[in-house]
Amino acid sequence: MIRVNLYEQLGGRTARMPRWAAWLAMAASLVVGIVLFLVAASLALILIPVVAIAGAIAIWRLRRRMKAAGIDPSAPFPQQRRQPGHGEIVDAEYRIIDQGEPPRR
């Protein structure tokens, strides 16, 4: 059994872990690490193709809906041509309203 006294002051004795227990702990952590890696790798081998196929189906359905809506899927945001002289200048009139001035109706 491993005992560690965290509250012991300087000069106290600490118990050492037996060598076989250290090797056993290292071997157990190595086995757990390998098992976790294998589980993650197997999940990745299963999930990556499933996600890729689902993404391809989603893109295919989106393109079909865009075509049905009359939008070109290859250029959904086409550049609009600017007409020269039309919409270039913004003109407005303004006036300053004083605090005591009644509201306009």
PDB file of N, CA and C in Angstrom:
ATOM      1  N   MET A   1       0.837  -1.165   0.000  1.00  0.00           N
ATOM      2  CA  MET A   1       0.000   0.000   0.000  1.00  0.00           C
ATOM      3  C   MET A   1       0.890   1.239   0.000  1.00  0.00           C
ATOM      4  N   ILE A   2       0.537   2.218  -0.815  1.00  0.00           N
ATOM      5  CA  ILE A   2       1.311   3.449  -0.901  1.00  0.00           C
ATOM      6  C   ILE A   2       0.753   4.447   0.089  1.00  0.00           C
ATOM      7  N   ARG A   3       1.636   5.023   0.901  1.00  0.00           N
ATOM      8  CA  ARG A   3       1.204   6.031   1.859  1.00  0.00           C
ATOM      9  C   ARG A   3       2.070   7.268   1.672  1.00  0.00           C
ATOM     10  N   VAL A   4       1.412   8.405   1.509  1.00  0.00           N
ATOM     11  CA  VAL A   4       2.113   9.676   1.393  1.00  0.00           C
ATOM     12  C   VAL A   4       1.501  10.623   2.404  1.00  0.00           C
ATOM     13  N   ASN A   5       2.321  11.177   3.271  1.00  0.00           N
ATOM     14  CA  ASN A   5       1.861  12.121   4.272  1.00  0.00           C
ATOM     15  C   ASN A   5       2.201  13.519   3.779  1.00  0.00           C
ATOM     16  N   LEU A   6       1.199  14.261   3.292  1.00  0.00           N
ATOM     17  CA  LEU A   6       1.443  15.584   2.735  1.00  0.00           C
ATOM     18  C   LEU A   6       1.705  16.622   3.813  1.00  0.00           C
ATOM     19  N   TYR A   7       1.331  16.365   5.038  1.00  0.00           N
ATOM     20  CA  TYR A   7       1.438  17.350   6.109  1.00  0.00           C
ATOM     21  C   TYR A   7       2.703  17.177   6.944  1.00  0.00           C
ATOM     22  N   GLU A   8       3.529  16.249   6.585  1.00  0.00           N
ATOM     23  CA  GLU A   8       4.733  15.993   7.366  1.00  0.00           C
ATOM     24  C   GLU A   8       5.754  17.108   7.123  1.00  0.00           C
ATOM     25  N   GLN A   9       6.403  17.567   8.185  1.00  0.00           N
ATOM     26  CA  GLN A   9       7.377  18.646   8.074  1.00  0.00           C
ATOM     27  C   GLN A   9       8.712  18.091   7.575  1.00  0.00           C
ATOM     28  N   LEU A  10       9.692  18.996   7.419  1.00  0.00           N
ATOM     29  CA  LEU A  10      11.031  18.594   6.969  1.00  0.00           C
ATOM     30  C   LEU A  10      11.641  17.577   7.922  1.00  0.00           C
ATOM     31  N   GLY A  11      12.446  16.712   7.377  1.00  0.00           N
ATOM     32  CA  GLY A  11      13.101  15.707   8.210  1.00  0.00           C
ATOM     33  C   GLY A  11      12.275  14.447   8.373  1.00  0.00           C
ATOM     34  N   GLY A  12      11.089  14.429   7.834  1.00  0.00           N
ATOM     35  CA  GLY A  12      10.250  13.242   7.968  1.00  0.00           C
ATOM     36  C   GLY A  12      10.632  12.200   6.927  1.00  0.00           C
ATOM     37  N   ARG A  13      10.211  10.998   7.154  1.00  0.00           N
ATOM     38  CA  ARG A  13      10.497   9.910   6.234  1.00  0.00           C
ATOM     39  C   ARG A  13       9.307   9.662   5.336  1.00  0.00           C
ATOM     40  N   THR A  14       9.553   9.471   4.050  1.00  0.00           N
ATOM     41  CA  THR A  14       8.477   9.127   3.123  1.00  0.00           C
ATOM     42  C   THR A  14       8.653   7.683   2.684  1.00  0.00           C
ATOM     43  N   ALA A  15       7.575   7.029   2.454  1.00  0.00           N
ATOM     44  CA  ALA A  15       7.626   5.637   2.036  1.00  0.00           C
ATOM     45  C   ALA A  15       7.874   5.574   0.536  1.00  0.00           C
ATOM     46  N   ARG A  16       8.721   4.642   0.134  1.00  0.00           N
ATOM     47  CA  ARG A  16       9.010   4.474  -1.294  1.00  0.00           C
ATOM     48  C   ARG A  16       8.084   3.423  -1.884  1.00  0.00           C
ATOM     49  N   MET A  17       7.781   3.618  -3.166  1.00  0.00           N
ATOM     50  CA  MET A  17       6.950   2.655  -3.877  1.00  0.00           C
ATOM     51  C   MET A  17       7.840   1.474  -4.284  1.00  0.00           C
ATOM     52  N   PRO A  18       7.371   0.257  -4.093  1.00  0.00           N
ATOM     53  CA  PRO A  18       8.166  -0.898  -4.535  1.00  0.00           C
ATOM     54  C   PRO A  18       8.353  -0.878  -6.062  1.00  0.00           C
ATOM     55  N   ARG A  19       9.481  -1.407  -6.474  1.00  0.00           N
ATOM     56  CA  ARG A  19       9.816  -1.372  -7.896  1.00  0.00           C
ATOM     57  C   ARG A  19       8.784  -2.127  -8.732  1.00  0.00           C
ATOM     58  N   TRP A  20       8.295  -3.252  -8.236  1.00  0.00           N
ATOM     59  CA  TRP A  20       7.308  -4.023  -9.002  1.00  0.00           C
ATOM     60  C   TRP A  20       6.009  -3.243  -9.165  1.00  0.00           C
ATOM     61  N   ALA A  21       5.651  -2.422  -8.172  1.00  0.00           N
ATOM     62  CA  ALA A  21       4.422  -1.635  -8.251  1.00  0.00           C
ATOM     63  C   ALA A  21       4.571  -0.511  -9.284  1.00  0.00           C
ATOM     64  N   ALA A  22       5.769   0.074  -9.351  1.00  0.00           N
ATOM     65  CA  ALA A  22       6.013   1.115 -10.357  1.00  0.00           C
ATOM     66  C   ALA A  22       5.936   0.521 -11.762  1.00  0.00           C
ATOM     67  N   TRP A  23       6.551  -0.656 -11.959  1.00  0.00           N
ATOM     68  CA  TRP A  23       6.489  -1.307 -13.274  1.00  0.00           C
ATOM     69  C   TRP A  23       5.054  -1.701 -13.618  1.00  0.00           C
ATOM     70  N   LEU A  24       4.303  -2.144 -12.643  1.00  0.00           N
ATOM     71  CA  LEU A  24       2.914  -2.513 -12.874  1.00  0.00           C
ATOM     72  C   LEU A  24       2.078  -1.290 -13.257  1.00  0.00           C
ATOM     73  N   ALA A  25       2.295  -0.168 -12.583  1.00  0.00           N
ATOM     74  CA  ALA A  25       1.563   1.054 -12.914  1.00  0.00           C
ATOM     75  C   ALA A  25       1.917   1.540 -14.315  1.00  0.00           C
ATOM     76  N   MET A  26       3.203   1.471 -14.679  1.00  0.00           N
ATOM     77  CA  MET A  26       3.605   1.886 -16.036  1.00  0.00           C
ATOM     78  C   MET A  26       3.002   0.967 -17.095  1.00  0.00           C
ATOM     79  N   ALA A  27       3.006  -0.327 -16.831  1.00  0.00           N
ATOM     80  CA  ALA A  27       2.444  -1.268 -17.799  1.00  0.00           C
ATOM     81  C   ALA A  27       0.938  -1.061 -17.943  1.00  0.00           C
ATOM     82  N   ALA A  28       0.251  -0.821 -16.833  1.00  0.00           N
ATOM     83  CA  ALA A  28      -1.197  -0.598 -16.892  1.00  0.00           C
ATOM     84  C   ALA A  28      -1.518   0.680 -17.655  1.00  0.00           C
ATOM     85  N   SER A  29      -0.747   1.746 -17.415  1.00  0.00           N
ATOM     86  CA  SER A  29      -1.010   2.990 -18.148  1.00  0.00           C
ATOM     87  C   SER A  29      -0.700   2.825 -19.629  1.00  0.00           C
ATOM     88  N   LEU A  30       0.317   2.038 -19.979  1.00  0.00           N
ATOM     89  CA  LEU A  30       0.629   1.774 -21.385  1.00  0.00           C
ATOM     90  C   LEU A  30      -0.509   1.002 -22.050  1.00  0.00           C
ATOM     91  N   VAL A  31      -1.037   0.010 -21.376  1.00  0.00           N
ATOM     92  CA  VAL A  31      -2.146  -0.776 -21.927  1.00  0.00           C
ATOM     93  C   VAL A  31      -3.389   0.096 -22.097  1.00  0.00           C
ATOM     94  N   VAL A  32      -3.689   0.929 -21.101  1.00  0.00           N
ATOM     95  CA  VAL A  32      -4.852   1.819 -21.210  1.00  0.00           C
ATOM     96  C   VAL A  32      -4.665   2.796 -22.366  1.00  0.00           C
ATOM     97  N   GLY A  33      -3.462   3.324 -22.530  1.00  0.00           N
ATOM     98  CA  GLY A  33      -3.189   4.242 -23.633  1.00  0.00           C
ATOM     99  C   GLY A  33      -3.354   3.586 -24.989  1.00  0.00           C
ATOM    100  N   ILE A  34      -2.856   2.368 -25.126  1.00  0.00           N
ATOM    101  CA  ILE A  34      -2.989   1.656 -26.400  1.00  0.00           C
ATOM    102  C   ILE A  34      -4.453   1.341 -26.691  1.00  0.00           C
ATOM    103  N   VAL A  35      -5.193   0.927 -25.678  1.00  0.00           N
ATOM    104  CA  VAL A  35      -6.616   0.628 -25.871  1.00  0.00           C
ATOM    105  C   VAL A  35      -7.377   1.886 -26.284  1.00  0.00           C
ATOM    106  N   LEU A  36      -7.111   3.014 -25.621  1.00  0.00           N
ATOM    107  CA  LEU A  36      -7.781   4.263 -26.003  1.00  0.00           C
ATOM    108  C   LEU A  36      -7.428   4.676 -27.426  1.00  0.00           C
ATOM    109  N   PHE A  37      -6.162   4.507 -27.810  1.00  0.00           N
ATOM    110  CA  PHE A  37      -5.764   4.832 -29.180  1.00  0.00           C
ATOM    111  C   PHE A  37      -6.488   3.944 -30.183  1.00  0.00           C
ATOM    112  N   LEU A  38      -6.578   2.660 -29.905  1.00  0.00           N
ATOM    113  CA  LEU A  38      -7.255   1.748 -30.829  1.00  0.00           C
ATOM    114  C   LEU A  38      -8.750   2.064 -30.931  1.00  0.00           C
ATOM    115  N   VAL A  39      -9.377   2.394 -29.818  1.00  0.00           N
ATOM    116  CA  VAL A  39     -10.802   2.757 -29.851  1.00  0.00           C
ATOM    117  C   VAL A  39     -11.003   4.027 -30.669  1.00  0.00           C
ATOM    118  N   ALA A  40     -10.154   5.036 -30.454  1.00  0.00           N
ATOM    119  CA  ALA A  40     -10.269   6.289 -31.213  1.00  0.00           C
ATOM    120  C   ALA A  40     -10.015   6.063 -32.700  1.00  0.00           C
ATOM    121  N   ALA A  41      -9.021   5.239 -33.027  1.00  0.00           N
ATOM    122  CA  ALA A  41      -8.721   4.979 -34.435  1.00  0.00           C
ATOM    123  C   ALA A  41      -9.857   4.208 -35.108  1.00  0.00           C
ATOM    124  N   SER A  42     -10.441   3.255 -34.404  1.00  0.00           N
ATOM    125  CA  SER A  42     -11.545   2.501 -35.006  1.00  0.00           C
ATOM    126  C   SER A  42     -12.773   3.384 -35.186  1.00  0.00           C
ATOM    127  N   LEU A  43     -13.041   4.263 -34.222  1.00  0.00           N
ATOM    128  CA  LEU A  43     -14.151   5.205 -34.384  1.00  0.00           C
ATOM    129  C   LEU A  43     -13.903   6.136 -35.561  1.00  0.00           C
ATOM    130  N   ALA A  44     -12.654   6.592 -35.714  1.00  0.00           N
ATOM    131  CA  ALA A  44     -12.327   7.469 -36.836  1.00  0.00           C
ATOM    132  C   ALA A  44     -12.518   6.733 -38.164  1.00  0.00           C
ATOM    133  N   LEU A  45     -12.121   5.477 -38.225  1.00  0.00           N
ATOM    134  CA  LEU A  45     -12.282   4.713 -39.469  1.00  0.00           C
ATOM    135  C   LEU A  45     -13.754   4.511 -39.816  1.00  0.00           C
ATOM    136  N   ILE A  46     -14.594   4.479 -38.812  1.00  0.00           N
ATOM    137  CA  ILE A  46     -16.026   4.307 -39.067  1.00  0.00           C
ATOM    138  C   ILE A  46     -16.689   5.659 -39.341  1.00  0.00           C
ATOM    139  N   LEU A  47     -16.362   6.682 -38.537  1.00  0.00           N
ATOM    140  CA  LEU A  47     -17.073   7.955 -38.630  1.00  0.00           C
ATOM    141  C   LEU A  47     -16.639   8.837 -39.797  1.00  0.00           C
ATOM    142  N   ILE A  48     -15.383   8.796 -40.202  1.00  0.00           N
ATOM    143  CA  ILE A  48     -14.926   9.668 -41.291  1.00  0.00           C
ATOM    144  C   ILE A  48     -15.682   9.379 -42.590  1.00  0.00           C
ATOM    145  N   PRO A  49     -15.816   8.137 -43.029  1.00  0.00           N
ATOM    146  CA  PRO A  49     -16.599   7.907 -44.250  1.00  0.00           C
ATOM    147  C   PRO A  49     -18.082   8.260 -44.093  1.00  0.00           C
ATOM    148  N   VAL A  50     -18.650   8.001 -42.907  1.00  0.00           N
ATOM    149  CA  VAL A  50     -20.060   8.328 -42.683  1.00  0.00           C
ATOM    150  C   VAL A  50     -20.279   9.835 -42.791  1.00  0.00           C
ATOM    151  N   VAL A  51     -19.407  10.630 -42.171  1.00  0.00           N
ATOM    152  CA  VAL A  51     -19.528  12.086 -42.239  1.00  0.00           C
ATOM    153  C   VAL A  51     -19.294  12.581 -43.662  1.00  0.00           C
ATOM    154  N   ALA A  52     -18.335  11.997 -44.379  1.00  0.00           N
ATOM    155  CA  ALA A  52     -18.066  12.411 -45.756  1.00  0.00           C
ATOM    156  C   ALA A  52     -19.272  12.126 -46.656  1.00  0.00           C
ATOM    157  N   ILE A  53     -19.895  10.975 -46.494  1.00  0.00           N
ATOM    158  CA  ILE A  53     -21.071  10.634 -47.302  1.00  0.00           C
ATOM    159  C   ILE A  53     -22.246  11.543 -46.948  1.00  0.00           C
ATOM    160  N   ALA A  54     -22.458  11.796 -45.658  1.00  0.00           N
ATOM    161  CA  ALA A  54     -23.546  12.689 -45.249  1.00  0.00           C
ATOM    162  C   ALA A  54     -23.312  14.108 -45.778  1.00  0.00           C
ATOM    163  N   GLY A  55     -22.072  14.574 -45.772  1.00  0.00           N
ATOM    164  CA  GLY A  55     -21.758  15.892 -46.316  1.00  0.00           C
ATOM    165  C   GLY A  55     -21.993  15.964 -47.812  1.00  0.00           C
ATOM    166  N   ALA A  56     -21.622  14.900 -48.537  1.00  0.00           N
ATOM    167  CA  ALA A  56     -21.852  14.876 -49.986  1.00  0.00           C
ATOM    168  C   ALA A  56     -23.347  14.895 -50.302  1.00  0.00           C
ATOM    169  N   ILE A  57     -24.130  14.152 -49.537  1.00  0.00           N
ATOM    170  CA  ILE A  57     -25.582  14.148 -49.743  1.00  0.00           C
ATOM    171  C   ILE A  57     -26.163  15.525 -49.435  1.00  0.00           C
ATOM    172  N   ALA A  58     -25.691  16.179 -48.365  1.00  0.00           N
ATOM    173  CA  ALA A  58     -26.188  17.507 -48.010  1.00  0.00           C
ATOM    174  C   ALA A  58     -25.849  18.531 -49.097  1.00  0.00           C
ATOM    175  N   ILE A  59     -24.649  18.471 -49.640  1.00  0.00           N
ATOM    176  CA  ILE A  59     -24.261  19.389 -50.719  1.00  0.00           C
ATOM    177  C   ILE A  59     -25.106  19.134 -51.952  1.00  0.00           C
ATOM    178  N   TRP A  60     -25.330  17.869 -52.273  1.00  0.00           N
ATOM    179  CA  TRP A  60     -26.136  17.529 -53.442  1.00  0.00           C
ATOM    180  C   TRP A  60     -27.560  18.070 -53.294  1.00  0.00           C
ATOM    181  N   ARG A  61     -28.156  17.900 -52.091  1.00  0.00           N
ATOM    182  CA  ARG A  61     -29.517  18.406 -51.875  1.00  0.00           C
ATOM    183  C   ARG A  61     -29.559  19.934 -51.905  1.00  0.00           C
ATOM    184  N   LEU A  62     -28.524  20.580 -51.355  1.00  0.00           N
ATOM    185  CA  LEU A  62     -28.477  22.041 -51.369  1.00  0.00           C
ATOM    186  C   LEU A  62     -28.383  22.570 -52.797  1.00  0.00           C
ATOM    187  N   ARG A  63     -27.538  21.965 -53.608  1.00  0.00           N
ATOM    188  CA  ARG A  63     -27.431  22.398 -55.015  1.00  0.00           C
ATOM    189  C   ARG A  63     -28.749  22.188 -55.759  1.00  0.00           C
ATOM    190  N   ARG A  64     -29.443  21.082 -55.479  1.00  0.00           N
ATOM    191  CA  ARG A  64     -30.720  20.819 -56.135  1.00  0.00           C
ATOM    192  C   ARG A  64     -31.756  21.874 -55.739  1.00  0.00           C
ATOM    193  N   ARG A  65     -31.774  22.242 -54.458  1.00  0.00           N
ATOM    194  CA  ARG A  65     -32.718  23.276 -54.014  1.00  0.00           C
ATOM    195  C   ARG A  65     -32.364  24.641 -54.592  1.00  0.00           C
ATOM    196  N   MET A  66     -31.067  24.930 -54.714  1.00  0.00           N
ATOM    197  CA  MET A  66     -30.662  26.215 -55.303  1.00  0.00           C
ATOM    198  C   MET A  66     -31.086  26.295 -56.770  1.00  0.00           C
ATOM    199  N   LYS A  67     -30.926  25.190 -57.499  1.00  0.00           N
ATOM    200  CA  LYS A  67     -31.367  25.183 -58.903  1.00  0.00           C
ATOM    201  C   LYS A  67     -32.875  25.357 -58.991  1.00  0.00           C
ATOM    202  N   ALA A  68     -33.614  24.726 -58.071  1.00  0.00           N
ATOM    203  CA  ALA A  68     -35.073  24.859 -58.077  1.00  0.00           C
ATOM    204  C   ALA A  68     -35.488  26.288 -57.757  1.00  0.00           C
ATOM    205  N   ALA A  69     -34.679  27.011 -56.981  1.00  0.00           N
ATOM    206  CA  ALA A  69     -34.989  28.393 -56.639  1.00  0.00           C
ATOM    207  C   ALA A  69     -34.521  29.374 -57.704  1.00  0.00           C
ATOM    208  N   GLY A  70     -33.833  28.871 -58.717  1.00  0.00           N
ATOM    209  CA  GLY A  70     -33.368  29.736 -59.797  1.00  0.00           C
ATOM    210  C   GLY A  70     -32.026  30.381 -59.524  1.00  0.00           C
ATOM    211  N   ILE A  71     -31.252  29.830 -58.631  1.00  0.00           N
ATOM    212  CA  ILE A  71     -29.926  30.350 -58.307  1.00  0.00           C
ATOM    213  C   ILE A  71     -28.882  29.428 -58.907  1.00  0.00           C
ATOM    214  N   ASP A  72     -27.889  30.016 -59.583  1.00  0.00           N
ATOM    215  CA  ASP A  72     -26.810  29.216 -60.162  1.00  0.00           C
ATOM    216  C   ASP A  72     -25.885  28.752 -59.034  1.00  0.00           C
ATOM    217  N   PRO A  73     -25.756  27.437 -58.780  1.00  0.00           N
ATOM    218  CA  PRO A  73     -24.923  26.953 -57.669  1.00  0.00           C
ATOM    219  C   PRO A  73     -23.440  27.278 -57.837  1.00  0.00           C
ATOM    220  N   SER A  74     -22.968  27.428 -59.070  1.00  0.00           N
ATOM    221  CA  SER A  74     -21.548  27.715 -59.251  1.00  0.00           C
ATOM    222  C   SER A  74     -21.219  29.170 -58.930  1.00  0.00           C
ATOM    223  N   ALA A  75     -22.199  30.085 -59.066  1.00  0.00           N
ATOM    224  CA  ALA A  75     -21.989  31.496 -58.736  1.00  0.00           C
ATOM    225  C   ALA A  75     -23.232  32.029 -58.020  1.00  0.00           C
ATOM    226  N   PRO A  76     -23.388  31.712 -56.727  1.00  0.00           N
ATOM    227  CA  PRO A  76     -24.611  32.128 -56.025  1.00  0.00           C
ATOM    228  C   PRO A  76     -24.693  33.633 -55.788  1.00  0.00           C
ATOM    229  N   PHE A  77     -23.556  34.326 -55.800  1.00  0.00           N
ATOM    230  CA  PHE A  77     -23.538  35.772 -55.586  1.00  0.00           C
ATOM    231  C   PHE A  77     -22.872  36.439 -56.785  1.00  0.00           C
ATOM    232  N   PRO A  78     -23.587  36.585 -57.893  1.00  0.00           N
ATOM    233  CA  PRO A  78     -22.954  37.162 -59.089  1.00  0.00           C
ATOM    234  C   PRO A  78     -22.663  38.650 -58.898  1.00  0.00           C
ATOM    235  N   GLN A  79     -21.636  39.125 -59.582  1.00  0.00           N
ATOM    236  CA  GLN A  79     -21.287  40.542 -59.533  1.00  0.00           C
ATOM    237  C   GLN A  79     -22.324  41.331 -60.312  1.00  0.00           C
ATOM    238  N   GLN A  80     -22.867  42.352 -59.682  1.00  0.00           N
ATOM    239  CA  GLN A  80     -23.856  43.182 -60.355  1.00  0.00           C
ATOM    240  C   GLN A  80     -23.128  44.302 -61.088  1.00  0.00           C
ATOM    241  N   ARG A  81     -23.576  44.575 -62.309  1.00  0.00           N
ATOM    242  CA  ARG A  81     -22.955  45.640 -63.086  1.00  0.00           C
ATOM    243  C   ARG A  81     -23.407  46.994 -62.566  1.00  0.00           C
ATOM    244  N   ARG A  82     -22.464  47.899 -62.451  1.00  0.00           N
ATOM    245  CA  ARG A  82     -22.804  49.249 -62.005  1.00  0.00           C
ATOM    246  C   ARG A  82     -23.149  50.099 -63.216  1.00  0.00           C
ATOM    247  N   GLN A  83     -24.232  50.789 -63.086  1.00  0.00           N
ATOM    248  CA  GLN A  83     -24.612  51.707 -64.152  1.00  0.00           C
ATOM    249  C   GLN A  83     -23.955  53.047 -63.865  1.00  0.00           C
ATOM    250  N   PRO A  84     -23.223  53.579 -64.832  1.00  0.00           N
ATOM    251  CA  PRO A  84     -22.515  54.832 -64.578  1.00  0.00           C
ATOM    252  C   PRO A  84     -23.490  55.990 -64.358  1.00  0.00           C
ATOM    253  N   GLY A  85     -23.204  56.797 -63.350  1.00  0.00           N
ATOM    254  CA  GLY A  85     -24.002  57.973 -63.070  1.00  0.00           C
ATOM    255  C   GLY A  85     -25.299  57.708 -62.346  1.00  0.00           C
ATOM    256  N   HIS A  86     -25.609  56.484 -62.073  1.00  0.00           N
ATOM    257  CA  HIS A  86     -26.863  56.167 -61.411  1.00  0.00           C
ATOM    258  C   HIS A  86     -26.543  55.611 -60.010  1.00  0.00           C
ATOM    259  N   GLY A  87     -26.972  56.326 -58.986  1.00  0.00           N
ATOM    260  CA  GLY A  87     -26.755  55.856 -57.630  1.00  0.00           C
ATOM    261  C   GLY A  87     -25.378  56.162 -57.091  1.00  0.00           C
ATOM    262  N   GLU A  88     -24.649  57.023 -57.715  1.00  0.00           N
ATOM    263  CA  GLU A  88     -23.309  57.338 -57.242  1.00  0.00           C
ATOM    264  C   GLU A  88     -23.305  58.436 -56.173  1.00  0.00           C
ATOM    265  N   ILE A  89     -24.232  59.402 -56.278  1.00  0.00           N
ATOM    266  CA  ILE A  89     -24.228  60.556 -55.378  1.00  0.00           C
ATOM    267  C   ILE A  89     -25.435  60.473 -54.453  1.00  0.00           C
ATOM    268  N   VAL A  90     -25.184  60.671 -53.168  1.00  0.00           N
ATOM    269  CA  VAL A  90     -26.254  60.720 -52.184  1.00  0.00           C
ATOM    270  C   VAL A  90     -26.376  62.179 -51.747  1.00  0.00           C
ATOM    271  N   ASP A  91     -27.574  62.752 -51.890  1.00  0.00           N
ATOM    272  CA  ASP A  91     -27.787  64.145 -51.544  1.00  0.00           C
ATOM    273  C   ASP A  91     -28.928  64.213 -50.536  1.00  0.00           C
ATOM    274  N   ALA A  92     -28.763  65.047 -49.515  1.00  0.00           N
ATOM    275  CA  ALA A  92     -29.800  65.170 -48.496  1.00  0.00           C
ATOM    276  C   ALA A  92     -29.773  66.580 -47.934  1.00  0.00           C
ATOM    277  N   GLU A  93     -30.905  66.996 -47.386  1.00  0.00           N
ATOM    278  CA  GLU A  93     -30.995  68.277 -46.692  1.00  0.00           C
ATOM    279  C   GLU A  93     -31.192  67.996 -45.218  1.00  0.00           C
ATOM    280  N   TYR A  94     -30.575  68.813 -44.410  1.00  0.00           N
ATOM    281  CA  TYR A  94     -30.734  68.638 -42.966  1.00  0.00           C
ATOM    282  C   TYR A  94     -30.824  70.006 -42.321  1.00  0.00           C
ATOM    283  N   ARG A  95     -31.381  69.998 -41.103  1.00  0.00           N
ATOM    284  CA  ARG A  95     -31.419  71.232 -40.337  1.00  0.00           C
ATOM    285  C   ARG A  95     -31.277  70.877 -38.864  1.00  0.00           C
ATOM    286  N   ILE A  96     -30.788  71.822 -38.101  1.00  0.00           N
ATOM    287  CA  ILE A  96     -30.542  71.623 -36.676  1.00  0.00           C
ATOM    288  C   ILE A  96     -31.791  72.032 -35.914  1.00  0.00           C
ATOM    289  N   ILE A  97     -32.231  71.167 -34.993  1.00  0.00           N
ATOM    290  CA  ILE A  97     -33.423  71.438 -34.190  1.00  0.00           C
ATOM    291  C   ILE A  97     -32.958  71.888 -32.811  1.00  0.00           C
ATOM    292  N   ASP A  98     -33.409  73.078 -32.417  1.00  0.00           N
ATOM    293  CA  ASP A  98     -33.055  73.593 -31.095  1.00  0.00           C
ATOM    294  C   ASP A  98     -33.919  72.932 -30.034  1.00  0.00           C
ATOM    295  N   GLN A  99     -33.496  73.079 -28.773  1.00  0.00           N
ATOM    296  CA  GLN A  99     -34.219  72.431 -27.684  1.00  0.00           C
ATOM    297  C   GLN A  99     -35.610  73.014 -27.473  1.00  0.00           C
ATOM    298  N   GLY A 100     -35.798  74.285 -27.577  1.00  0.00           N
ATOM    299  CA  GLY A 100     -37.089  74.899 -27.302  1.00  0.00           C
ATOM    300  C   GLY A 100     -38.038  74.854 -28.484  1.00  0.00           C
ATOM    301  N   GLU A 101     -37.621  74.385 -29.611  1.00  0.00           N
ATOM    302  CA  GLU A 101     -38.452  74.392 -30.822  1.00  0.00           C
ATOM    303  C   GLU A 101     -39.531  73.309 -30.744  1.00  0.00           C
ATOM    304  N   PRO A 102     -40.776  73.648 -31.103  1.00  0.00           N
ATOM    305  CA  PRO A 102     -41.857  72.646 -31.075  1.00  0.00           C
ATOM    306  C   PRO A 102     -41.636  71.607 -32.179  1.00  0.00           C
ATOM    307  N   PRO A 103     -42.121  70.396 -31.960  1.00  0.00           N
ATOM    308  CA  PRO A 103     -41.955  69.335 -32.972  1.00  0.00           C
ATOM    309  C   PRO A 103     -42.769  69.643 -34.229  1.00  0.00           C
ATOM    310  N   ARG A 104     -42.226  69.217 -35.388  1.00  0.00           N
ATOM    311  CA  ARG A 104     -42.927  69.413 -36.676  1.00  0.00           C
ATOM    312  C   ARG A 104     -43.927  68.303 -36.875  1.00  0.00           C
ATOM    313  N   ARG A 105     -45.031  68.656 -37.537  1.00  0.00           N
ATOM    314  CA  ARG A 105     -46.071  67.652 -37.837  1.00  0.00           C
ATOM    315  C   ARG A 105     -46.305  67.544 -39.297  1.00  0.00           C
TER     316      ARG A 105
END
